[in-house]
Amino acid sequence: MDQTSYPRIYVERTLAVIKPDAIHKAEEIEDIILKSGFTILQKRKLQLSPEQCSDFYADQYGKLFFPSLTAFMSSGPIIAATFGSRQRYRPLEVHHRTRQQHQGQRDSSRVP
């Protein structure tokens, strides 16, 4: 029997969130992730409410940056995607240019 008829088994699954300020580079970011050996299992573009962001980042509650984090993440659409890998965990960082980067600081979105 042909091996392609069997479902693929992924050793690792990873949630990636493309933030509102990088949504215009979503295709470029996805290409980098795919070229790194990951497969897109699910992908959804959505707009989170401040309440949904508060729930998602509940572990950050009480920290000084929490209000600005939830305001930023609910300020525009995001892409939430689940990626699978047939290999064990390896970190992957996807960088995008921002105002901070132009000022000499590096802005990155870590995608494990």
N, C-alpha and C. Protein backbone atom coordinates (compact mmCIF):
# COMPACT_ATOMS: atom_id res chain seq x y z
N MET A 1 0.85 -1.19 0.00
CA MET A 1 0.00 0.00 0.00
C MET A 1 0.88 1.24 0.00
N ASP A 2 0.48 2.26 -0.69
CA ASP A 2 1.22 3.52 -0.80
C ASP A 2 1.32 4.22 0.56
N GLN A 3 2.53 4.65 0.95
CA GLN A 3 2.73 5.29 2.25
C GLN A 3 2.01 6.63 2.36
N THR A 4 1.75 7.30 1.27
CA THR A 4 1.09 8.60 1.33
C THR A 4 -0.36 8.49 1.77
N SER A 5 -0.93 7.29 1.78
CA SER A 5 -2.31 7.14 2.21
C SER A 5 -2.44 7.14 3.74
N TYR A 6 -1.32 6.99 4.44
CA TYR A 6 -1.34 7.01 5.90
C TYR A 6 -1.27 8.45 6.40
N PRO A 7 -1.95 8.74 7.50
CA PRO A 7 -1.85 10.10 8.05
C PRO A 7 -0.43 10.35 8.56
N ARG A 8 0.01 11.58 8.40
CA ARG A 8 1.34 11.95 8.88
C ARG A 8 1.32 12.11 10.39
N ILE A 9 2.39 11.70 11.03
CA ILE A 9 2.53 11.85 12.46
C ILE A 9 3.56 12.93 12.72
N TYR A 10 3.17 13.94 13.50
CA TYR A 10 4.06 15.03 13.81
C TYR A 10 4.56 14.90 15.24
N VAL A 11 5.87 14.97 15.41
CA VAL A 11 6.48 14.84 16.73
C VAL A 11 6.19 16.09 17.56
N GLU A 12 6.22 17.24 16.94
CA GLU A 12 6.00 18.51 17.62
C GLU A 12 4.88 19.28 16.96
N ARG A 13 4.11 19.96 17.78
CA ARG A 13 3.11 20.91 17.30
C ARG A 13 3.38 22.24 17.97
N THR A 14 3.27 23.31 17.22
CA THR A 14 3.61 24.64 17.72
C THR A 14 2.53 25.63 17.32
N LEU A 15 2.17 26.49 18.26
CA LEU A 15 1.26 27.60 17.97
C LEU A 15 2.09 28.81 17.63
N ALA A 16 1.80 29.42 16.50
CA ALA A 16 2.46 30.66 16.10
C ALA A 16 1.40 31.74 15.96
N VAL A 17 1.71 32.92 16.45
CA VAL A 17 0.80 34.05 16.33
C VAL A 17 1.54 35.16 15.60
N ILE A 18 0.99 35.56 14.47
CA ILE A 18 1.54 36.69 13.73
C ILE A 18 0.79 37.93 14.22
N LYS A 19 1.55 38.83 14.81
CA LYS A 19 0.97 39.99 15.50
C LYS A 19 0.44 41.04 14.52
N PRO A 20 -0.38 41.97 15.05
CA PRO A 20 -0.99 42.98 14.17
C PRO A 20 0.01 43.80 13.36
N ASP A 21 1.18 44.11 13.93
CA ASP A 21 2.14 44.93 13.19
C ASP A 21 2.92 44.15 12.14
N ALA A 22 2.74 42.83 12.08
CA ALA A 22 3.44 42.01 11.09
C ALA A 22 2.48 41.33 10.13
N ILE A 23 1.20 41.61 10.25
CA ILE A 23 0.20 40.92 9.44
C ILE A 23 0.44 41.15 7.94
N HIS A 24 0.98 42.30 7.58
CA HIS A 24 1.25 42.58 6.17
C HIS A 24 2.40 41.72 5.62
N LYS A 25 3.16 41.07 6.50
CA LYS A 25 4.25 40.19 6.07
C LYS A 25 3.94 38.73 6.36
N ALA A 26 2.67 38.40 6.53
CA ALA A 26 2.28 37.04 6.90
C ALA A 26 2.79 35.99 5.92
N GLU A 27 2.67 36.24 4.63
CA GLU A 27 3.14 35.26 3.65
C GLU A 27 4.63 35.04 3.75
N GLU A 28 5.38 36.11 3.92
CA GLU A 28 6.84 36.00 4.05
C GLU A 28 7.21 35.20 5.31
N ILE A 29 6.53 35.47 6.41
CA ILE A 29 6.80 34.77 7.66
C ILE A 29 6.46 33.29 7.51
N GLU A 30 5.31 33.00 6.91
CA GLU A 30 4.92 31.60 6.70
C GLU A 30 5.92 30.88 5.81
N ASP A 31 6.44 31.54 4.77
CA ASP A 31 7.43 30.92 3.89
C ASP A 31 8.69 30.54 4.67
N ILE A 32 9.13 31.42 5.56
CA ILE A 32 10.31 31.13 6.37
C ILE A 32 10.06 29.91 7.25
N ILE A 33 8.89 29.85 7.85
CA ILE A 33 8.56 28.72 8.72
C ILE A 33 8.48 27.42 7.91
N LEU A 34 7.85 27.47 6.75
CA LEU A 34 7.74 26.28 5.91
C LEU A 34 9.10 25.81 5.42
N LYS A 35 9.97 26.74 5.05
CA LYS A 35 11.31 26.38 4.58
C LYS A 35 12.16 25.81 5.72
N SER A 36 11.75 26.02 6.96
CA SER A 36 12.46 25.49 8.11
C SER A 36 12.00 24.08 8.47
N GLY A 37 11.13 23.52 7.66
CA GLY A 37 10.72 22.13 7.85
C GLY A 37 9.41 21.93 8.58
N PHE A 38 8.66 22.98 8.79
CA PHE A 38 7.36 22.86 9.44
C PHE A 38 6.26 22.73 8.39
N THR A 39 5.13 22.22 8.80
CA THR A 39 3.94 22.10 7.96
C THR A 39 2.81 22.85 8.64
N ILE A 40 2.02 23.60 7.88
CA ILE A 40 0.87 24.29 8.45
C ILE A 40 -0.24 23.27 8.65
N LEU A 41 -0.66 23.08 9.89
CA LEU A 41 -1.75 22.15 10.19
C LEU A 41 -3.09 22.87 10.20
N GLN A 42 -3.12 24.06 10.78
CA GLN A 42 -4.32 24.89 10.81
C GLN A 42 -3.89 26.34 10.79
N LYS A 43 -4.73 27.19 10.20
CA LYS A 43 -4.42 28.63 10.15
C LYS A 43 -5.73 29.40 10.16
N ARG A 44 -5.74 30.48 10.92
CA ARG A 44 -6.96 31.29 11.00
C ARG A 44 -6.59 32.75 11.22
N LYS A 45 -7.20 33.62 10.43
CA LYS A 45 -7.05 35.06 10.63
C LYS A 45 -8.23 35.53 11.47
N LEU A 46 -7.95 36.27 12.54
CA LEU A 46 -9.02 36.72 13.41
C LEU A 46 -8.66 38.02 14.11
N GLN A 47 -9.66 38.64 14.66
CA GLN A 47 -9.51 39.87 15.44
C GLN A 47 -9.91 39.54 16.88
N LEU A 48 -8.98 39.66 17.81
CA LEU A 48 -9.26 39.35 19.21
C LEU A 48 -9.81 40.58 19.92
N SER A 49 -10.73 40.37 20.82
CA SER A 49 -11.21 41.45 21.68
C SER A 49 -10.21 41.62 22.83
N PRO A 50 -10.23 42.76 23.52
CA PRO A 50 -9.36 42.92 24.69
C PRO A 50 -9.59 41.82 25.74
N GLU A 51 -10.83 41.37 25.89
CA GLU A 51 -11.14 40.31 26.84
C GLU A 51 -10.50 38.99 26.43
N GLN A 52 -10.56 38.67 25.14
CA GLN A 52 -9.92 37.44 24.66
C GLN A 52 -8.41 37.50 24.85
N CYS A 53 -7.82 38.66 24.60
CA CYS A 53 -6.38 38.83 24.81
C CYS A 53 -6.03 38.66 26.29
N SER A 54 -6.86 39.22 27.16
CA SER A 54 -6.64 39.07 28.60
C SER A 54 -6.66 37.61 29.00
N ASP A 55 -7.58 36.84 28.44
CA ASP A 55 -7.65 35.41 28.74
C ASP A 55 -6.42 34.68 28.21
N PHE A 56 -6.02 35.00 26.98
CA PHE A 56 -4.88 34.32 26.36
C PHE A 56 -3.59 34.60 27.12
N TYR A 57 -3.41 35.84 27.57
CA TYR A 57 -2.19 36.24 28.27
C TYR A 57 -2.39 36.30 29.78
N ALA A 58 -3.30 35.48 30.31
CA ALA A 58 -3.61 35.50 31.75
C ALA A 58 -2.37 35.29 32.62
N ASP A 59 -1.40 34.53 32.13
CA ASP A 59 -0.19 34.29 32.91
C ASP A 59 0.67 35.55 33.06
N GLN A 60 0.39 36.58 32.27
CA GLN A 60 1.12 37.85 32.35
C GLN A 60 0.38 38.89 33.18
N TYR A 61 -0.80 38.53 33.67
CA TYR A 61 -1.63 39.47 34.42
C TYR A 61 -0.86 40.00 35.63
N GLY A 62 -0.99 41.30 35.86
CA GLY A 62 -0.32 41.93 37.00
C GLY A 62 1.03 42.53 36.65
N LYS A 63 1.55 42.22 35.49
CA LYS A 63 2.83 42.80 35.07
C LYS A 63 2.56 44.16 34.45
N LEU A 64 3.54 45.03 34.53
CA LEU A 64 3.37 46.42 34.07
C LEU A 64 2.96 46.53 32.60
N PHE A 65 3.45 45.61 31.78
CA PHE A 65 3.18 45.70 30.34
C PHE A 65 1.84 45.07 29.94
N PHE A 66 1.14 44.44 30.87
CA PHE A 66 -0.09 43.71 30.53
C PHE A 66 -1.13 44.57 29.82
N PRO A 67 -1.45 45.78 30.32
CA PRO A 67 -2.46 46.59 29.61
C PRO A 67 -2.05 46.94 28.17
N SER A 68 -0.77 47.30 27.97
CA SER A 68 -0.35 47.64 26.61
C SER A 68 -0.28 46.40 25.72
N LEU A 69 0.04 45.24 26.29
CA LEU A 69 0.06 44.00 25.53
C LEU A 69 -1.33 43.65 25.01
N THR A 70 -2.31 43.69 25.88
CA THR A 70 -3.67 43.35 25.46
C THR A 70 -4.24 44.39 24.50
N ALA A 71 -3.90 45.66 24.71
CA ALA A 71 -4.36 46.71 23.78
C ALA A 71 -3.74 46.50 22.40
N PHE A 72 -2.44 46.20 22.37
CA PHE A 72 -1.75 46.00 21.09
C PHE A 72 -2.28 44.77 20.35
N MET A 73 -2.42 43.66 21.06
CA MET A 73 -2.84 42.42 20.40
C MET A 73 -4.30 42.47 19.95
N SER A 74 -5.09 43.38 20.50
CA SER A 74 -6.48 43.53 20.05
C SER A 74 -6.65 44.71 19.11
N SER A 75 -5.53 45.36 18.72
CA SER A 75 -5.59 46.56 17.89
C SER A 75 -5.81 46.27 16.40
N GLY A 76 -5.64 45.04 15.99
CA GLY A 76 -5.80 44.69 14.59
C GLY A 76 -5.86 43.19 14.43
N PRO A 77 -6.01 42.73 13.19
CA PRO A 77 -6.10 41.28 12.98
C PRO A 77 -4.77 40.59 13.27
N ILE A 78 -4.88 39.32 13.65
CA ILE A 78 -3.72 38.47 13.85
C ILE A 78 -3.93 37.20 13.04
N ILE A 79 -2.89 36.43 12.88
CA ILE A 79 -3.02 35.09 12.31
C ILE A 79 -2.52 34.12 13.36
N ALA A 80 -3.37 33.18 13.73
CA ALA A 80 -3.00 32.11 14.64
C ALA A 80 -2.87 30.84 13.79
N ALA A 81 -1.75 30.16 13.94
CA ALA A 81 -1.50 28.97 13.13
C ALA A 81 -0.86 27.89 13.98
N THR A 82 -1.22 26.66 13.67
CA THR A 82 -0.58 25.51 14.30
C THR A 82 0.33 24.89 13.25
N PHE A 83 1.59 24.71 13.63
CA PHE A 83 2.57 24.12 12.74
C PHE A 83 3.00 22.78 13.30
N GLY A 84 3.28 21.85 12.43
CA GLY A 84 3.76 20.54 12.84
C GLY A 84 5.14 20.30 12.28
N SER A 85 5.90 19.50 13.02
CA SER A 85 7.23 19.13 12.58
C SER A 85 7.42 17.64 12.82
N ARG A 86 8.07 16.99 11.90
CA ARG A 86 8.35 15.56 12.06
C ARG A 86 9.64 15.36 12.82
N GLN A 87 10.31 16.44 13.17
CA GLN A 87 11.54 16.37 13.95
C GLN A 87 11.26 16.91 15.35
N ARG A 88 12.19 16.66 16.26
CA ARG A 88 12.04 17.19 17.62
C ARG A 88 12.22 18.69 17.62
N TYR A 89 11.79 19.30 18.71
CA TYR A 89 11.81 20.75 18.90
C TYR A 89 13.15 21.38 18.52
N ARG A 90 13.06 22.48 17.81
CA ARG A 90 14.21 23.34 17.56
C ARG A 90 13.70 24.76 17.42
N PRO A 91 14.36 25.70 18.06
CA PRO A 91 13.85 27.08 18.01
C PRO A 91 13.98 27.68 16.62
N LEU A 92 13.03 28.52 16.29
CA LEU A 92 13.03 29.24 15.03
C LEU A 92 12.59 30.65 15.34
N GLU A 93 13.39 31.61 14.95
CA GLU A 93 13.02 33.00 15.17
C GLU A 93 12.76 33.65 13.82
N VAL A 94 11.64 34.34 13.76
CA VAL A 94 11.26 35.06 12.55
C VAL A 94 11.29 36.54 12.91
N HIS A 95 12.09 37.31 12.20
CA HIS A 95 12.25 38.72 12.51
C HIS A 95 11.53 39.57 11.48
N HIS A 96 11.04 40.70 11.92
CA HIS A 96 10.45 41.64 10.99
C HIS A 96 10.94 43.04 11.36
N ARG A 97 11.05 43.87 10.36
CA ARG A 97 11.57 45.22 10.57
C ARG A 97 10.51 46.10 11.22
N THR A 98 10.93 46.82 12.24
CA THR A 98 10.03 47.74 12.93
C THR A 98 10.76 49.03 13.20
N ARG A 99 10.06 49.97 13.74
CA ARG A 99 10.65 51.25 14.13
C ARG A 99 11.78 51.02 15.13
N GLN A 100 11.60 50.07 16.06
CA GLN A 100 12.62 49.76 17.05
C GLN A 100 13.89 49.26 16.39
N GLN A 101 13.74 48.45 15.35
CA GLN A 101 14.90 47.90 14.67
C GLN A 101 15.68 49.02 13.98
N HIS A 102 14.96 49.99 13.44
CA HIS A 102 15.64 51.11 12.80
C HIS A 102 16.42 51.93 13.82
N GLN A 103 16.02 51.87 15.09
CA GLN A 103 16.71 52.59 16.16
C GLN A 103 17.80 51.73 16.79
N GLY A 104 18.09 50.57 16.20
CA GLY A 104 19.17 49.73 16.68
C GLY A 104 18.73 48.60 17.58
N GLN A 105 17.45 48.47 17.86
CA GLN A 105 16.96 47.37 18.68
C GLN A 105 16.39 46.30 17.76
N ARG A 106 16.50 45.06 18.17
CA ARG A 106 16.00 43.95 17.37
C ARG A 106 14.63 43.53 17.88
N ASP A 107 13.68 43.44 16.97
CA ASP A 107 12.33 42.98 17.31
C ASP A 107 12.15 41.61 16.70
N SER A 108 11.76 40.63 17.48
CA SER A 108 11.60 39.29 16.93
C SER A 108 10.34 38.65 17.43
N SER A 109 9.85 37.73 16.66
CA SER A 109 8.73 36.89 17.05
C SER A 109 9.29 35.49 17.11
N ARG A 110 9.28 34.90 18.27
CA ARG A 110 9.86 33.57 18.43
C ARG A 110 8.82 32.52 18.08
N VAL A 111 9.17 31.65 17.16
CA VAL A 111 8.29 30.57 16.77
C VAL A 111 9.03 29.28 17.07
N PRO A 112 8.67 28.58 18.15
CA PRO A 112 9.38 27.32 18.46
C PRO A 112 9.01 26.22 17.50
